[in-house]
C-alpha cells in the first residue's frame, strides 16, 4: 500500500478569488468559469487541504482551485452606460469612450467610471466592444 503524499500548501487566504479546475464541479454549467471568494483559512480534511468558498456548501479541495486575478482590458463604449445611484440613473460611460477595465473569466467586464472617480461596477456587455479581440461581448 503506497502512502498518499500531502499536496503542498496552496497559500490561499480569505478574500482570494479562485476558479475551479480539473474536477467534476468545474465541468458543471452552474460552476464553469465562476469566480469564487475564499471564505476561510485552509484546513486539513482527511489528508486534503480544503477551504470554504462563499456560496458553496462545505469545504473544497484547494488542489482543484486556481487563484484568479481579472485580466486588464481596454474597451470602446458603443452605447451610453448608466448605473443606478439610489434610484437616479447616472451616465457613467459615454458612447465613443475608450476605457480600461478588468475582464473576468465569465466574460463580463468591470471598470471605474471616468466621470466618477473611485466608482466601479460591471459594464453591460451589449454596450461595449473589447478592443483587440474584435468581437462584442
N, C-alpha and C. Protein backbone atom coordinates (compact mmCIF):
# COMPACT_ATOMS: atom_id res chain seq x y z
N UNK A 1 0.85 -1.18 0.00
CA UNK A 1 0.00 0.00 0.00
C UNK A 1 0.89 1.24 0.00
N UNK A 2 0.69 2.10 -0.98
CA UNK A 2 1.50 3.31 -1.06
C UNK A 2 0.88 4.40 -0.19
N UNK A 3 1.77 5.16 0.41
CA UNK A 3 1.32 6.24 1.28
C UNK A 3 1.03 7.47 0.43
N UNK A 4 -0.12 8.08 0.65
CA UNK A 4 -0.51 9.28 -0.09
C UNK A 4 0.29 10.47 0.42
N UNK A 5 0.89 11.21 -0.51
CA UNK A 5 1.64 12.39 -0.11
C UNK A 5 0.70 13.58 -0.03
N UNK A 6 0.95 14.41 0.95
CA UNK A 6 0.14 15.62 1.10
C UNK A 6 0.52 16.62 0.03
N UNK A 7 -0.47 17.27 -0.58
CA UNK A 7 -0.14 18.34 -1.54
C UNK A 7 0.51 19.50 -0.81
N UNK A 8 1.34 20.24 -1.54
CA UNK A 8 1.98 21.40 -0.90
C UNK A 8 0.91 22.43 -0.56
N UNK A 9 1.13 23.21 0.49
CA UNK A 9 0.13 24.21 0.88
C UNK A 9 -0.18 25.17 -0.28
N UNK A 10 -1.44 25.49 -0.41
CA UNK A 10 -1.90 26.33 -1.54
C UNK A 10 -1.53 27.80 -1.37
N UNK A 11 -1.44 28.25 -0.14
CA UNK A 11 -1.19 29.67 0.10
C UNK A 11 -2.45 30.52 -0.02
N UNK A 12 -3.62 29.88 -0.20
CA UNK A 12 -4.87 30.63 -0.31
C UNK A 12 -5.23 31.24 1.04
N UNK A 13 -5.83 32.41 0.96
CA UNK A 13 -6.23 33.15 2.16
C UNK A 13 -7.65 33.67 1.96
N UNK A 14 -8.36 33.94 3.05
CA UNK A 14 -9.69 34.53 2.91
C UNK A 14 -9.63 35.81 2.06
N UNK A 15 -10.58 35.93 1.15
CA UNK A 15 -10.64 37.09 0.26
C UNK A 15 -10.04 36.83 -1.11
N UNK A 16 -9.19 35.77 -1.24
CA UNK A 16 -8.64 35.43 -2.56
C UNK A 16 -9.76 35.04 -3.51
N UNK A 17 -9.60 35.37 -4.78
CA UNK A 17 -10.53 34.98 -5.82
C UNK A 17 -9.98 33.73 -6.50
N UNK A 18 -10.82 32.72 -6.72
CA UNK A 18 -10.39 31.46 -7.30
C UNK A 18 -11.41 30.96 -8.32
N UNK A 19 -10.96 30.08 -9.22
CA UNK A 19 -11.84 29.35 -10.11
C UNK A 19 -11.55 27.87 -9.95
N UNK A 20 -12.58 27.04 -10.15
CA UNK A 20 -12.42 25.58 -10.06
C UNK A 20 -11.82 25.08 -11.37
N UNK A 21 -11.02 24.02 -11.28
CA UNK A 21 -10.46 23.41 -12.49
C UNK A 21 -10.26 21.91 -12.29
N UNK A 22 -10.26 21.17 -13.37
CA UNK A 22 -9.97 19.73 -13.44
C UNK A 22 -10.67 18.89 -12.37
N UNK A 23 -11.94 19.19 -12.16
CA UNK A 23 -12.75 18.39 -11.24
C UNK A 23 -14.18 18.36 -11.78
N UNK A 24 -15.01 17.49 -11.19
CA UNK A 24 -16.39 17.34 -11.63
C UNK A 24 -17.14 18.67 -11.60
N UNK A 25 -17.02 19.41 -10.51
CA UNK A 25 -17.76 20.66 -10.35
C UNK A 25 -17.38 21.70 -11.41
N UNK A 26 -16.11 21.71 -11.82
CA UNK A 26 -15.65 22.69 -12.82
C UNK A 26 -16.31 22.48 -14.17
N UNK A 27 -16.79 21.26 -14.43
CA UNK A 27 -17.43 20.96 -15.72
C UNK A 27 -18.93 21.22 -15.69
N UNK A 28 -19.49 21.43 -14.52
CA UNK A 28 -20.94 21.69 -14.41
C UNK A 28 -21.21 23.11 -14.89
N UNK A 29 -22.24 23.27 -15.70
CA UNK A 29 -22.59 24.59 -16.24
C UNK A 29 -22.77 25.62 -15.12
N UNK A 30 -23.34 25.17 -14.02
CA UNK A 30 -23.62 26.04 -12.88
C UNK A 30 -22.34 26.68 -12.31
N UNK A 31 -21.21 25.98 -12.39
CA UNK A 31 -19.97 26.46 -11.79
C UNK A 31 -18.88 26.82 -12.78
N UNK A 32 -19.02 26.43 -14.03
CA UNK A 32 -17.96 26.65 -15.03
C UNK A 32 -17.62 28.13 -15.17
N UNK A 33 -16.36 28.46 -14.97
CA UNK A 33 -15.90 29.84 -15.12
C UNK A 33 -16.29 30.78 -14.00
N UNK A 34 -17.00 30.27 -12.99
CA UNK A 34 -17.44 31.13 -11.89
C UNK A 34 -16.25 31.51 -11.01
N UNK A 35 -16.20 32.78 -10.63
CA UNK A 35 -15.16 33.25 -9.72
C UNK A 35 -15.73 33.14 -8.30
N UNK A 36 -15.00 32.43 -7.45
CA UNK A 36 -15.39 32.22 -6.06
C UNK A 36 -14.48 33.05 -5.15
N UNK A 37 -14.98 33.38 -3.97
CA UNK A 37 -14.18 34.07 -2.97
C UNK A 37 -13.90 33.10 -1.82
N UNK A 38 -12.62 32.93 -1.49
CA UNK A 38 -12.23 32.08 -0.38
C UNK A 38 -12.73 32.73 0.91
N UNK A 39 -13.39 31.91 1.74
CA UNK A 39 -14.06 32.43 2.94
C UNK A 39 -13.45 31.89 4.24
N UNK A 40 -12.32 31.16 4.16
CA UNK A 40 -11.72 30.60 5.37
C UNK A 40 -10.23 30.37 5.15
N UNK A 41 -9.53 30.17 6.24
CA UNK A 41 -8.15 29.70 6.16
C UNK A 41 -8.22 28.23 5.73
N UNK A 42 -7.19 27.72 5.03
CA UNK A 42 -7.17 26.30 4.68
C UNK A 42 -7.09 25.42 5.92
N UNK A 43 -7.68 24.22 5.83
CA UNK A 43 -7.54 23.24 6.90
C UNK A 43 -7.42 21.85 6.28
N UNK A 44 -6.96 20.91 7.06
CA UNK A 44 -6.77 19.55 6.59
C UNK A 44 -8.04 18.75 6.82
N UNK A 45 -8.51 18.08 5.79
CA UNK A 45 -9.68 17.22 5.89
C UNK A 45 -9.32 15.88 5.26
N UNK A 46 -9.09 14.89 6.09
CA UNK A 46 -8.74 13.54 5.63
C UNK A 46 -7.54 13.55 4.67
N UNK A 47 -6.55 14.38 4.97
CA UNK A 47 -5.34 14.40 4.15
C UNK A 47 -5.37 15.37 2.99
N UNK A 48 -6.47 16.06 2.78
CA UNK A 48 -6.56 17.06 1.70
C UNK A 48 -6.70 18.45 2.30
N UNK A 49 -6.03 19.40 1.71
CA UNK A 49 -6.20 20.79 2.14
C UNK A 49 -7.48 21.31 1.52
N UNK A 50 -8.36 21.89 2.33
CA UNK A 50 -9.64 22.41 1.86
C UNK A 50 -9.85 23.83 2.38
N UNK A 51 -10.72 24.57 1.69
CA UNK A 51 -11.15 25.89 2.15
C UNK A 51 -12.66 25.99 1.95
N UNK A 52 -13.26 26.93 2.62
CA UNK A 52 -14.67 27.24 2.41
C UNK A 52 -14.74 28.33 1.35
N UNK A 53 -15.71 28.22 0.44
CA UNK A 53 -15.95 29.22 -0.60
C UNK A 53 -17.30 29.88 -0.35
N UNK A 54 -17.36 31.19 -0.49
CA UNK A 54 -18.64 31.90 -0.32
C UNK A 54 -19.64 31.37 -1.34
N UNK A 55 -20.80 30.95 -0.85
CA UNK A 55 -21.85 30.47 -1.74
C UNK A 55 -21.76 28.99 -2.07
N UNK A 56 -20.79 28.28 -1.49
CA UNK A 56 -20.65 26.84 -1.74
C UNK A 56 -20.70 26.14 -0.38
N UNK A 57 -21.49 25.08 -0.28
CA UNK A 57 -21.62 24.36 0.99
C UNK A 57 -20.46 23.40 1.19
N UNK A 58 -19.86 23.44 2.36
CA UNK A 58 -18.79 22.52 2.71
C UNK A 58 -17.43 23.01 2.27
N UNK A 59 -16.41 22.20 2.57
CA UNK A 59 -15.05 22.53 2.16
C UNK A 59 -14.79 22.10 0.73
N UNK A 60 -13.85 22.76 0.08
CA UNK A 60 -13.50 22.41 -1.30
C UNK A 60 -11.99 22.24 -1.37
N UNK A 61 -11.53 21.14 -1.98
CA UNK A 61 -10.11 20.82 -2.05
C UNK A 61 -9.35 21.89 -2.84
N UNK A 62 -8.30 22.43 -2.24
CA UNK A 62 -7.53 23.50 -2.87
C UNK A 62 -6.78 23.04 -4.11
N UNK A 63 -6.51 21.72 -4.23
CA UNK A 63 -5.80 21.24 -5.42
C UNK A 63 -6.62 21.45 -6.70
N UNK A 64 -7.94 21.70 -6.55
CA UNK A 64 -8.81 21.93 -7.69
C UNK A 64 -9.22 23.40 -7.82
N UNK A 65 -8.49 24.28 -7.14
CA UNK A 65 -8.75 25.72 -7.21
C UNK A 65 -7.52 26.43 -7.74
N UNK A 66 -7.75 27.40 -8.61
CA UNK A 66 -6.66 28.20 -9.14
C UNK A 66 -6.93 29.65 -8.77
N UNK A 67 -5.93 30.27 -8.13
CA UNK A 67 -6.07 31.69 -7.78
C UNK A 67 -6.25 32.47 -9.07
N UNK A 68 -7.18 33.40 -9.02
CA UNK A 68 -7.50 34.11 -10.25
C UNK A 68 -7.52 35.61 -10.02
N UNK A 69 -6.91 36.30 -10.93
CA UNK A 69 -6.95 37.76 -10.94
C UNK A 69 -7.60 38.17 -12.26
N UNK A 70 -8.44 39.19 -12.26
CA UNK A 70 -9.01 39.63 -13.54
C UNK A 70 -7.91 40.15 -14.45
N UNK A 71 -8.12 39.97 -15.76
CA UNK A 71 -7.14 40.43 -16.74
C UNK A 71 -7.46 41.87 -17.15
N UNK A 72 -6.46 42.73 -17.24
CA UNK A 72 -6.72 44.09 -17.70
C UNK A 72 -7.19 44.06 -19.16
N UNK A 73 -8.10 44.93 -19.50
CA UNK A 73 -8.58 45.00 -20.88
C UNK A 73 -8.91 46.46 -21.22
N UNK A 74 -9.08 46.71 -22.49
CA UNK A 74 -9.49 48.02 -22.97
C UNK A 74 -10.76 47.80 -23.79
N UNK A 75 -11.72 48.69 -23.64
CA UNK A 75 -12.97 48.53 -24.37
C UNK A 75 -13.45 49.88 -24.89
N UNK A 76 -14.23 49.81 -25.97
CA UNK A 76 -14.88 51.00 -26.52
C UNK A 76 -16.35 50.94 -26.19
N UNK A 77 -16.88 52.06 -25.74
CA UNK A 77 -18.30 52.15 -25.40
C UNK A 77 -19.08 52.42 -26.68
N UNK A 78 -20.03 51.53 -27.02
CA UNK A 78 -20.82 51.70 -28.25
C UNK A 78 -22.24 52.18 -27.96
N UNK A 79 -22.58 52.27 -26.68
CA UNK A 79 -23.89 52.75 -26.25
C UNK A 79 -23.71 53.33 -24.85
N UNK A 80 -24.27 54.51 -24.58
CA UNK A 80 -24.15 55.12 -23.26
C UNK A 80 -24.49 54.11 -22.16
N UNK A 81 -23.73 54.15 -21.07
CA UNK A 81 -23.94 53.24 -19.94
C UNK A 81 -24.38 54.05 -18.73
N UNK A 82 -25.45 53.59 -18.08
CA UNK A 82 -25.99 54.24 -16.90
C UNK A 82 -25.96 53.26 -15.73
N UNK A 83 -25.61 53.74 -14.55
CA UNK A 83 -25.69 52.94 -13.33
C UNK A 83 -26.68 53.60 -12.39
N UNK A 84 -27.37 52.78 -11.62
CA UNK A 84 -28.33 53.26 -10.65
C UNK A 84 -27.61 53.83 -9.43
N UNK A 85 -27.99 55.03 -9.04
CA UNK A 85 -27.43 55.68 -7.85
C UNK A 85 -28.60 56.02 -6.93
N UNK A 86 -29.00 55.04 -6.13
CA UNK A 86 -30.12 55.21 -5.21
C UNK A 86 -31.36 55.75 -5.90
N UNK A 87 -31.73 55.12 -7.01
CA UNK A 87 -32.94 55.50 -7.72
C UNK A 87 -32.75 56.51 -8.82
N UNK A 88 -31.54 57.05 -8.96
CA UNK A 88 -31.25 58.01 -10.04
C UNK A 88 -30.25 57.36 -10.99
N UNK A 89 -30.56 57.41 -12.28
CA UNK A 89 -29.63 56.86 -13.27
C UNK A 89 -28.55 57.90 -13.56
N UNK A 90 -27.30 57.47 -13.47
CA UNK A 90 -26.16 58.34 -13.76
C UNK A 90 -25.42 57.80 -14.97
N UNK A 91 -25.14 58.69 -15.94
CA UNK A 91 -24.35 58.28 -17.10
C UNK A 91 -22.91 58.14 -16.65
N UNK A 92 -22.38 56.91 -16.77
CA UNK A 92 -21.03 56.64 -16.26
C UNK A 92 -20.02 56.38 -17.37
N UNK A 93 -20.49 56.06 -18.57
CA UNK A 93 -19.65 55.92 -19.75
C UNK A 93 -20.43 56.48 -20.94
N UNK A 94 -19.74 57.22 -21.80
CA UNK A 94 -20.39 57.81 -22.98
C UNK A 94 -19.98 57.05 -24.24
N UNK A 95 -20.91 56.96 -25.16
CA UNK A 95 -20.63 56.33 -26.45
C UNK A 95 -19.38 56.98 -27.05
N UNK A 96 -18.45 56.13 -27.50
CA UNK A 96 -17.21 56.62 -28.08
C UNK A 96 -16.04 56.62 -27.12
N UNK A 97 -16.32 56.55 -25.80
CA UNK A 97 -15.23 56.47 -24.82
C UNK A 97 -14.41 55.21 -25.05
N UNK A 98 -13.12 55.29 -24.86
CA UNK A 98 -12.25 54.11 -24.81
C UNK A 98 -11.71 54.06 -23.39
N UNK A 99 -11.99 52.96 -22.71
CA UNK A 99 -11.69 52.86 -21.28
C UNK A 99 -10.93 51.59 -20.95
N UNK A 100 -10.34 51.59 -19.78
CA UNK A 100 -9.66 50.41 -19.27
C UNK A 100 -10.55 49.76 -18.22
N UNK A 101 -10.52 48.42 -18.19
CA UNK A 101 -11.32 47.69 -17.22
C UNK A 101 -10.67 46.37 -16.88
N UNK A 102 -11.45 45.50 -16.26
CA UNK A 102 -10.99 44.17 -15.89
C UNK A 102 -11.92 43.15 -16.52
N UNK A 103 -11.32 42.18 -17.21
CA UNK A 103 -12.08 41.10 -17.86
C UNK A 103 -12.09 39.89 -16.94
N UNK A 104 -13.28 39.40 -16.60
CA UNK A 104 -13.46 38.28 -15.69
C UNK A 104 -13.65 36.99 -16.50
N UNK A 105 -13.42 35.81 -15.88
CA UNK A 105 -13.47 34.56 -16.64
C UNK A 105 -14.83 34.25 -17.24
N UNK A 106 -15.91 34.79 -16.66
CA UNK A 106 -17.22 34.53 -17.24
C UNK A 106 -17.52 35.49 -18.40
N UNK A 107 -16.54 36.36 -18.75
CA UNK A 107 -16.68 37.25 -19.90
C UNK A 107 -17.17 38.65 -19.58
N UNK A 108 -17.59 38.91 -18.34
CA UNK A 108 -18.07 40.26 -18.04
C UNK A 108 -16.88 41.18 -17.74
N UNK A 109 -17.13 42.47 -17.90
CA UNK A 109 -16.11 43.49 -17.70
C UNK A 109 -16.56 44.39 -16.56
N UNK A 110 -15.62 44.73 -15.69
CA UNK A 110 -15.88 45.75 -14.67
C UNK A 110 -14.90 46.89 -14.89
N UNK A 111 -15.32 48.09 -14.54
CA UNK A 111 -14.46 49.25 -14.78
C UNK A 111 -14.87 50.39 -13.87
N UNK A 112 -13.93 51.32 -13.71
CA UNK A 112 -14.19 52.54 -12.96
C UNK A 112 -14.67 53.60 -13.95
N UNK A 113 -15.70 54.32 -13.56
CA UNK A 113 -16.22 55.38 -14.41
C UNK A 113 -15.20 56.52 -14.51
N UNK A 114 -14.94 57.01 -15.74
CA UNK A 114 -14.03 58.14 -15.86
C UNK A 114 -14.64 59.44 -15.32
N UNK A 115 -15.95 59.44 -15.12
CA UNK A 115 -16.64 60.65 -14.68
C UNK A 115 -16.91 60.67 -13.17
N UNK A 116 -16.78 59.51 -12.53
CA UNK A 116 -17.00 59.40 -11.08
C UNK A 116 -15.83 58.59 -10.50
N UNK A 117 -14.69 59.25 -10.26
CA UNK A 117 -13.51 58.54 -9.76
C UNK A 117 -13.81 57.73 -8.50
N UNK A 118 -13.29 56.51 -8.47
CA UNK A 118 -13.48 55.64 -7.32
C UNK A 118 -14.73 54.79 -7.38
N UNK A 119 -15.58 55.04 -8.38
CA UNK A 119 -16.82 54.28 -8.51
C UNK A 119 -16.65 53.28 -9.65
N UNK A 120 -16.80 51.99 -9.32
CA UNK A 120 -16.67 50.95 -10.35
C UNK A 120 -17.76 49.90 -10.18
N UNK A 121 -18.05 49.22 -11.28
CA UNK A 121 -19.09 48.19 -11.29
C UNK A 121 -18.98 47.45 -12.61
N UNK A 122 -19.88 46.51 -12.84
CA UNK A 122 -19.93 45.79 -14.11
C UNK A 122 -20.46 46.71 -15.20
N UNK A 123 -19.97 46.49 -16.41
CA UNK A 123 -20.42 47.25 -17.58
C UNK A 123 -21.23 46.30 -18.45
N UNK A 124 -22.43 46.71 -18.83
CA UNK A 124 -23.30 45.84 -19.64
C UNK A 124 -22.59 45.46 -20.93
N UNK A 125 -22.56 44.16 -21.23
CA UNK A 125 -21.81 43.65 -22.38
C UNK A 125 -22.36 44.17 -23.71
N UNK A 126 -23.65 44.47 -23.78
CA UNK A 126 -24.21 44.95 -25.05
C UNK A 126 -23.83 46.41 -25.33
N UNK A 127 -23.19 47.05 -24.37
CA UNK A 127 -22.82 48.46 -24.51
C UNK A 127 -21.35 48.67 -24.88
N UNK A 128 -20.57 47.59 -24.96
CA UNK A 128 -19.13 47.74 -25.19
C UNK A 128 -18.60 46.73 -26.21
N UNK A 129 -17.42 47.05 -26.74
CA UNK A 129 -16.67 46.14 -27.59
C UNK A 129 -15.27 46.07 -26.98
N UNK A 130 -14.82 44.86 -26.68
CA UNK A 130 -13.45 44.68 -26.17
C UNK A 130 -12.50 44.92 -27.33
N UNK A 131 -11.53 45.79 -27.13
CA UNK A 131 -10.57 46.10 -28.20
C UNK A 131 -9.50 45.02 -28.22
N UNK A 132 -9.03 44.71 -29.41
CA UNK A 132 -8.00 43.70 -29.57
C UNK A 132 -8.57 42.32 -29.83
N UNK A 133 -9.83 42.09 -29.49
CA UNK A 133 -10.47 40.80 -29.76
C UNK A 133 -11.39 40.90 -30.96
N UNK A 134 -11.82 42.11 -31.27
CA UNK A 134 -12.66 42.34 -32.45
C UNK A 134 -14.06 41.79 -32.34
N UNK A 135 -14.50 41.46 -31.12
CA UNK A 135 -15.85 40.95 -31.00
C UNK A 135 -16.58 41.64 -29.86
N UNK A 136 -17.87 41.78 -30.02
CA UNK A 136 -18.70 42.37 -28.98
C UNK A 136 -18.98 41.29 -27.96
N UNK A 137 -18.87 41.62 -26.69
CA UNK A 137 -19.19 40.64 -25.65
C UNK A 137 -20.67 40.59 -25.43
